[in-house]
Protein backbone atom coordinates (compact mmCIF):
# COMPACT_ATOMS: atom_id res chain seq x y z
CA MET A 1 0.00 -0.03 -0.12
CA ALA A 2 1.24 3.29 -1.01
CA ALA A 3 0.15 5.45 2.30
CA SER A 4 1.03 9.04 2.86
CA PRO A 5 1.30 10.47 6.11
CA SER A 6 -1.71 12.35 5.80
CA GLY A 7 -4.39 12.64 2.80
CA PHE A 8 -8.11 12.46 2.01
CA ALA A 9 -10.00 9.04 2.79
CA LEU A 10 -11.52 6.51 0.68
CA ARG A 11 -15.27 6.92 0.31
CA MET A 12 -16.91 3.18 0.14
CA ASN A 13 -20.39 2.24 -0.24
CA ASP A 14 -19.54 -0.88 1.53
CA THR A 15 -17.47 -1.82 4.46
CA CYS A 16 -13.83 -0.87 4.60
CA GLN A 17 -11.33 -3.49 3.43
CA GLY A 18 -8.46 -5.23 5.53
CA LYS A 19 -6.91 -3.25 8.09
CA GLU A 20 -8.34 -0.06 6.94
CA VAL A 21 -9.59 2.32 9.66
CA ASP A 22 -13.37 2.64 9.61
CA CYS A 23 -14.04 6.36 10.12
CA GLY A 24 -17.88 6.18 10.03
CA ASN A 25 -20.52 7.41 7.73
CA THR A 26 -20.26 10.36 5.28
CA VAL A 27 -22.74 11.29 2.65
CA SER A 28 -25.30 8.48 2.79
CA PRO A 29 -25.02 5.64 2.04
CA TYR A 30 -21.29 5.69 2.16
CA ARG A 31 -18.52 5.22 4.63
CA VAL A 32 -15.06 6.84 4.93
CA CYS A 33 -11.96 4.55 5.20
CA CYS A 34 -8.37 5.67 6.21
CA PRO A 35 -5.25 3.60 5.68
CA GLU A 36 -4.11 1.15 8.65
CA ALA A 37 -2.67 3.22 11.57
CA SER A 38 -4.25 6.52 10.24
CA PHE A 39 -6.57 8.76 12.39
CA CYS A 40 -9.94 10.42 11.25
CA PRO A 41 -10.36 13.45 13.33
CA SER A 42 -14.11 13.79 14.29
CA GLN A 43 -14.40 17.34 13.16
CA TYR A 44 -13.68 16.39 9.40
CA SER A 45 -13.83 12.49 8.98
CA VAL A 46 -12.83 12.41 5.44
CA ASP A 47 -9.30 13.21 6.41
CA SER A 48 -6.61 10.53 7.06
CA CYS A 49 -4.33 12.04 9.46
CA PRO A 50 -0.89 10.82 11.12
CA THR A 51 -2.04 11.80 14.57
CA ALA A 52 -5.47 12.46 16.15
CA SER A 53 -4.96 16.20 15.46
CA SER A 54 -6.70 17.78 12.34
CA CYS A 55 -4.69 18.03 9.18
CA THR A 56 -7.23 19.53 7.10
CA GLU A 57 -5.25 22.69 6.48
CA SER A 58 -2.39 20.93 4.85
CA LEU A 59 -4.80 18.51 2.79
CA VAL A 60 -6.65 21.67 1.25
CA ALA A 61 -3.40 23.45 0.37
CA GLU A 62 -1.85 20.29 -1.25
CA PRO A 63 -4.85 17.78 -2.01
CA ARG A 64 -3.93 14.03 -2.12
CA CYS A 65 -5.41 10.67 -1.41
CA ALA A 66 -4.07 9.13 1.96
CA ASN A 67 -3.17 6.08 -0.43
CA GLY A 68 -1.23 6.97 -3.71
CA THR A 69 -3.36 4.20 -5.62
CA TRP A 70 -6.60 5.90 -4.88
CA ASN A 71 -8.28 8.43 -7.23
CA LEU A 72 -8.90 11.97 -5.96
CA ASN A 73 -12.40 13.50 -6.51
CA ASP A 74 -13.95 16.94 -5.58
CA ASN A 75 -17.68 17.27 -5.35
CA LYS A 76 -18.01 20.30 -2.79
CA GLY A 77 -15.22 18.66 -0.87
CA TYR A 78 -12.56 16.04 -1.47
CA PHE A 79 -12.63 12.51 -1.12
CA CYS A 80 -11.09 9.50 -2.79
CA CYS A 81 -12.24 6.40 -4.71
CA LEU A 82 -10.57 3.08 -5.67
CA GLN A 83 -9.17 3.06 -9.00
CA GLY A 84 -11.66 2.43 -11.94
CA MET A 85 -14.56 3.47 -9.67
CA VAL A 86 -16.52 6.60 -10.40
CA GLY A 87 -16.84 9.27 -7.86
CA TYR A 88 -19.92 11.62 -7.62
């Protein structure tokens, strides 16, 4: 897995995969998943951060996915999808 120290989380319409961290619900019916050993601060659950502190400011300044194999999307806010999946 090509994980970054921080990045936007994966939006899934199912459960998180493997050892991913389940950060809860986002836009219904989707869930937010972060790479293993990441944190998802409660104030903005679509962030995957290296600590429990918010990393939103750095992510908005330089948007990227928490896993380099995911695709970054922006629909009134950033989120990531698995390659080959359509984000909306």
